[in-house]
Amino acid sequence: MAEKRKDKVGLNTLKPGEKGRIAGMDLGKGVGGKLQDMGFLQGSLVECCYRSPFGDPTAYFVKGVLIAIRSEEAGNIYIEEERGMEMGQWG
């Protein structure tokens, strides 16, 4: 039996390959509106794909769009990261 736990974190905490669902955003209308137009909507699945060598910006994939976002802005996009925990399995 698998147990799932949801934690709300900033999008900028995801590492490449990790995914989460958008739970909300705290951005101004300019940037926030443009991101919403590209699919950054509540409930959308988003994946961290690439991080630049110095860690900023990071590329995320959502609804068929790959977009690079600065860490400061990504920290104001909140996601629910699902982590599965396997219970009762050996090894």
N, C-alpha and C. Protein backbone atom coordinates (compact mmCIF):
# COMPACT_ATOMS: atom_id res chain seq x y z
N MET A 1 0.85 -1.17 0.00
CA MET A 1 0.00 0.00 0.00
C MET A 1 0.89 1.23 0.00
N ALA A 2 0.57 2.19 -0.86
CA ALA A 2 1.36 3.41 -0.95
C ALA A 2 0.65 4.54 -0.21
N GLU A 3 1.43 5.31 0.51
CA GLU A 3 0.91 6.47 1.22
C GLU A 3 1.49 7.71 0.56
N LYS A 4 0.63 8.69 0.22
CA LYS A 4 1.11 9.90 -0.41
C LYS A 4 0.99 11.08 0.54
N ARG A 5 1.98 11.96 0.48
CA ARG A 5 2.00 13.15 1.30
C ARG A 5 2.21 14.34 0.38
N LYS A 6 1.44 15.39 0.57
CA LYS A 6 1.59 16.59 -0.25
C LYS A 6 2.18 17.71 0.60
N ASP A 7 3.21 18.34 0.07
CA ASP A 7 3.85 19.47 0.75
C ASP A 7 3.83 20.66 -0.20
N LYS A 8 3.43 21.84 0.28
CA LYS A 8 3.48 23.05 -0.54
C LYS A 8 4.87 23.66 -0.39
N VAL A 9 5.52 23.85 -1.54
CA VAL A 9 6.86 24.44 -1.58
C VAL A 9 6.93 25.39 -2.76
N GLY A 10 7.97 26.20 -2.80
CA GLY A 10 8.21 27.06 -3.95
C GLY A 10 8.69 26.24 -5.13
N LEU A 11 8.31 26.64 -6.32
CA LEU A 11 8.72 25.94 -7.54
C LEU A 11 10.24 25.85 -7.63
N ASN A 12 10.94 26.86 -7.12
CA ASN A 12 12.41 26.89 -7.20
C ASN A 12 13.09 25.81 -6.36
N THR A 13 12.34 25.08 -5.53
CA THR A 13 12.95 24.01 -4.73
C THR A 13 13.03 22.68 -5.47
N LEU A 14 12.32 22.58 -6.61
CA LEU A 14 12.37 21.33 -7.38
C LEU A 14 13.74 21.16 -8.02
N LYS A 15 14.18 19.92 -8.08
CA LYS A 15 15.42 19.58 -8.77
C LYS A 15 15.06 19.00 -10.13
N PRO A 16 15.98 19.03 -11.09
CA PRO A 16 15.67 18.47 -12.40
C PRO A 16 15.13 17.03 -12.29
N GLY A 17 14.01 16.80 -12.98
CA GLY A 17 13.35 15.50 -12.96
C GLY A 17 12.19 15.43 -11.98
N GLU A 18 12.09 16.36 -11.04
CA GLU A 18 11.01 16.35 -10.06
C GLU A 18 9.80 17.12 -10.61
N LYS A 19 8.61 16.70 -10.15
CA LYS A 19 7.36 17.28 -10.62
C LYS A 19 6.49 17.69 -9.46
N GLY A 20 5.56 18.59 -9.74
CA GLY A 20 4.58 19.00 -8.75
C GLY A 20 3.39 19.65 -9.43
N ARG A 21 2.33 19.90 -8.68
CA ARG A 21 1.13 20.57 -9.20
C ARG A 21 1.08 21.98 -8.64
N ILE A 22 0.77 22.92 -9.50
CA ILE A 22 0.71 24.33 -9.09
C ILE A 22 -0.45 24.53 -8.13
N ALA A 23 -0.14 25.10 -6.97
CA ALA A 23 -1.15 25.35 -5.93
C ALA A 23 -1.52 26.83 -5.85
N GLY A 24 -0.71 27.70 -6.44
CA GLY A 24 -0.99 29.13 -6.42
C GLY A 24 0.25 29.93 -6.77
N MET A 25 0.03 31.24 -7.00
CA MET A 25 1.14 32.12 -7.35
C MET A 25 0.96 33.45 -6.62
N ASP A 26 2.08 34.06 -6.29
CA ASP A 26 2.07 35.38 -5.67
C ASP A 26 2.98 36.28 -6.50
N LEU A 27 2.53 36.57 -7.72
CA LEU A 27 3.30 37.38 -8.66
C LEU A 27 2.45 38.55 -9.13
N GLY A 28 3.08 39.60 -9.59
CA GLY A 28 2.35 40.74 -10.14
C GLY A 28 1.59 40.35 -11.40
N LYS A 29 0.66 41.21 -11.80
CA LYS A 29 -0.17 40.91 -12.97
C LYS A 29 0.64 40.73 -14.25
N GLY A 30 1.72 41.50 -14.41
CA GLY A 30 2.52 41.40 -15.63
C GLY A 30 3.12 40.03 -15.82
N VAL A 31 3.99 39.64 -14.92
CA VAL A 31 4.66 38.33 -15.01
C VAL A 31 3.67 37.21 -14.77
N GLY A 32 2.84 37.35 -13.74
CA GLY A 32 1.87 36.32 -13.41
C GLY A 32 0.90 36.06 -14.55
N GLY A 33 0.43 37.12 -15.19
CA GLY A 33 -0.50 36.97 -16.31
C GLY A 33 0.14 36.26 -17.50
N LYS A 34 1.39 36.61 -17.79
CA LYS A 34 2.07 35.96 -18.91
C LYS A 34 2.30 34.48 -18.62
N LEU A 35 2.68 34.15 -17.38
CA LEU A 35 2.88 32.75 -17.03
C LEU A 35 1.56 31.98 -17.10
N GLN A 36 0.47 32.60 -16.67
CA GLN A 36 -0.84 31.94 -16.77
C GLN A 36 -1.21 31.69 -18.22
N ASP A 37 -0.91 32.64 -19.10
CA ASP A 37 -1.17 32.46 -20.53
C ASP A 37 -0.41 31.27 -21.10
N MET A 38 0.74 30.95 -20.51
CA MET A 38 1.56 29.84 -20.99
C MET A 38 1.24 28.52 -20.29
N GLY A 39 0.23 28.51 -19.40
CA GLY A 39 -0.18 27.25 -18.78
C GLY A 39 0.12 27.11 -17.31
N PHE A 40 0.71 28.11 -16.69
CA PHE A 40 0.98 28.05 -15.26
C PHE A 40 -0.30 28.38 -14.50
N LEU A 41 -1.19 27.40 -14.45
CA LEU A 41 -2.49 27.56 -13.82
C LEU A 41 -2.60 26.61 -12.63
N GLN A 42 -3.43 26.96 -11.66
CA GLN A 42 -3.62 26.11 -10.50
C GLN A 42 -4.05 24.72 -10.95
N GLY A 43 -3.37 23.70 -10.42
CA GLY A 43 -3.66 22.30 -10.75
C GLY A 43 -2.83 21.74 -11.89
N SER A 44 -2.10 22.61 -12.62
CA SER A 44 -1.27 22.13 -13.74
C SER A 44 -0.04 21.41 -13.21
N LEU A 45 0.32 20.34 -13.90
CA LEU A 45 1.54 19.59 -13.56
C LEU A 45 2.73 20.32 -14.17
N VAL A 46 3.76 20.54 -13.38
CA VAL A 46 4.97 21.22 -13.85
C VAL A 46 6.18 20.36 -13.48
N GLU A 47 7.15 20.31 -14.41
CA GLU A 47 8.37 19.52 -14.19
C GLU A 47 9.59 20.42 -14.32
N CYS A 48 10.51 20.27 -13.39
CA CYS A 48 11.79 20.96 -13.47
C CYS A 48 12.66 20.17 -14.46
N CYS A 49 13.12 20.83 -15.52
CA CYS A 49 13.88 20.12 -16.56
C CYS A 49 15.38 20.38 -16.51
N TYR A 50 15.77 21.64 -16.49
CA TYR A 50 17.18 21.99 -16.53
C TYR A 50 17.45 23.15 -15.60
N ARG A 51 18.62 23.14 -15.01
CA ARG A 51 19.06 24.27 -14.19
C ARG A 51 20.35 24.80 -14.81
N SER A 52 20.47 26.11 -14.93
CA SER A 52 21.68 26.69 -15.52
C SER A 52 22.88 26.38 -14.63
N PRO A 53 24.09 26.46 -15.17
CA PRO A 53 25.28 26.11 -14.38
C PRO A 53 25.40 26.86 -13.06
N PHE A 54 24.94 28.10 -13.02
CA PHE A 54 25.03 28.87 -11.78
C PHE A 54 23.72 28.84 -10.99
N GLY A 55 22.75 28.03 -11.44
CA GLY A 55 21.52 27.82 -10.70
C GLY A 55 20.38 28.77 -11.01
N ASP A 56 20.61 29.75 -11.89
CA ASP A 56 19.56 30.71 -12.19
C ASP A 56 19.73 31.20 -13.61
N PRO A 57 18.77 31.08 -14.49
CA PRO A 57 17.40 30.60 -14.29
C PRO A 57 17.31 29.08 -14.39
N THR A 58 16.10 28.57 -14.22
CA THR A 58 15.80 27.15 -14.34
C THR A 58 14.69 26.97 -15.36
N ALA A 59 14.78 25.91 -16.17
CA ALA A 59 13.76 25.64 -17.19
C ALA A 59 12.73 24.66 -16.65
N TYR A 60 11.46 25.00 -16.83
CA TYR A 60 10.34 24.18 -16.39
C TYR A 60 9.45 23.84 -17.58
N PHE A 61 8.85 22.66 -17.55
CA PHE A 61 7.95 22.21 -18.61
C PHE A 61 6.54 22.13 -18.04
N VAL A 62 5.62 22.84 -18.68
CA VAL A 62 4.22 22.82 -18.26
C VAL A 62 3.34 22.99 -19.49
N LYS A 63 2.35 22.11 -19.64
CA LYS A 63 1.36 22.19 -20.74
C LYS A 63 2.01 22.39 -22.10
N GLY A 64 3.07 21.65 -22.38
CA GLY A 64 3.70 21.71 -23.70
C GLY A 64 4.65 22.87 -23.90
N VAL A 65 4.93 23.64 -22.86
CA VAL A 65 5.81 24.81 -22.96
C VAL A 65 7.02 24.61 -22.07
N LEU A 66 8.21 24.87 -22.60
CA LEU A 66 9.44 24.86 -21.82
C LEU A 66 9.85 26.30 -21.63
N ILE A 67 9.92 26.75 -20.39
CA ILE A 67 10.21 28.16 -20.11
C ILE A 67 11.23 28.27 -18.98
N ALA A 68 12.14 29.22 -19.13
CA ALA A 68 13.14 29.49 -18.09
C ALA A 68 12.61 30.60 -17.19
N ILE A 69 12.68 30.37 -15.89
CA ILE A 69 12.18 31.33 -14.91
C ILE A 69 13.28 31.59 -13.88
N ARG A 70 13.44 32.86 -13.51
CA ARG A 70 14.41 33.20 -12.48
C ARG A 70 13.97 32.63 -11.14
N SER A 71 14.94 32.31 -10.32
CA SER A 71 14.68 31.70 -9.02
C SER A 71 13.78 32.57 -8.15
N GLU A 72 13.98 33.87 -8.19
CA GLU A 72 13.17 34.79 -7.38
C GLU A 72 11.68 34.68 -7.73
N GLU A 73 11.37 34.61 -9.03
CA GLU A 73 9.97 34.48 -9.46
C GLU A 73 9.45 33.07 -9.20
N ALA A 74 10.28 32.06 -9.45
CA ALA A 74 9.85 30.67 -9.23
C ALA A 74 9.54 30.42 -7.76
N GLY A 75 10.19 31.14 -6.87
CA GLY A 75 9.93 30.98 -5.44
C GLY A 75 8.56 31.49 -5.04
N ASN A 76 7.93 32.31 -5.88
CA ASN A 76 6.59 32.83 -5.62
C ASN A 76 5.50 32.05 -6.36
N ILE A 77 5.89 30.92 -6.95
CA ILE A 77 4.93 29.99 -7.54
C ILE A 77 4.92 28.78 -6.61
N TYR A 78 3.78 28.51 -6.02
CA TYR A 78 3.70 27.45 -5.01
C TYR A 78 3.17 26.17 -5.63
N ILE A 79 3.81 25.07 -5.29
CA ILE A 79 3.40 23.78 -5.83
C ILE A 79 3.16 22.79 -4.69
N GLU A 80 2.42 21.77 -5.00
CA GLU A 80 2.26 20.63 -4.10
C GLU A 80 3.06 19.50 -4.70
N GLU A 81 4.10 19.13 -4.01
CA GLU A 81 4.97 18.05 -4.48
C GLU A 81 4.46 16.75 -3.89
N GLU A 82 4.15 15.78 -4.75
CA GLU A 82 3.68 14.49 -4.27
C GLU A 82 4.85 13.54 -4.13
N ARG A 83 4.95 12.99 -2.97
CA ARG A 83 6.01 12.01 -2.70
C ARG A 83 5.36 10.73 -2.26
N GLY A 84 5.58 9.65 -3.00
CA GLY A 84 5.02 8.36 -2.64
C GLY A 84 5.91 7.65 -1.64
N MET A 85 5.30 7.06 -0.65
CA MET A 85 6.05 6.28 0.33
C MET A 85 5.49 4.86 0.30
N GLU A 86 6.31 3.92 -0.05
CA GLU A 86 5.87 2.53 -0.11
C GLU A 86 5.88 1.93 1.28
N MET A 87 4.77 1.34 1.64
CA MET A 87 4.63 0.73 2.95
C MET A 87 4.52 -0.80 2.79
N GLY A 88 5.14 -1.54 3.68
CA GLY A 88 4.99 -2.98 3.71
C GLY A 88 5.75 -3.75 2.65
N GLN A 89 6.75 -3.11 2.01
CA GLN A 89 7.55 -3.82 1.02
C GLN A 89 8.93 -4.09 1.60
N TRP A 90 9.48 -5.19 1.21
CA TRP A 90 10.81 -5.59 1.68
C TRP A 90 11.86 -5.13 0.70
N GLY A 91 13.02 -4.75 1.26
CA GLY A 91 14.20 -4.50 0.46
C GLY A 91 14.23 -3.21 -0.19
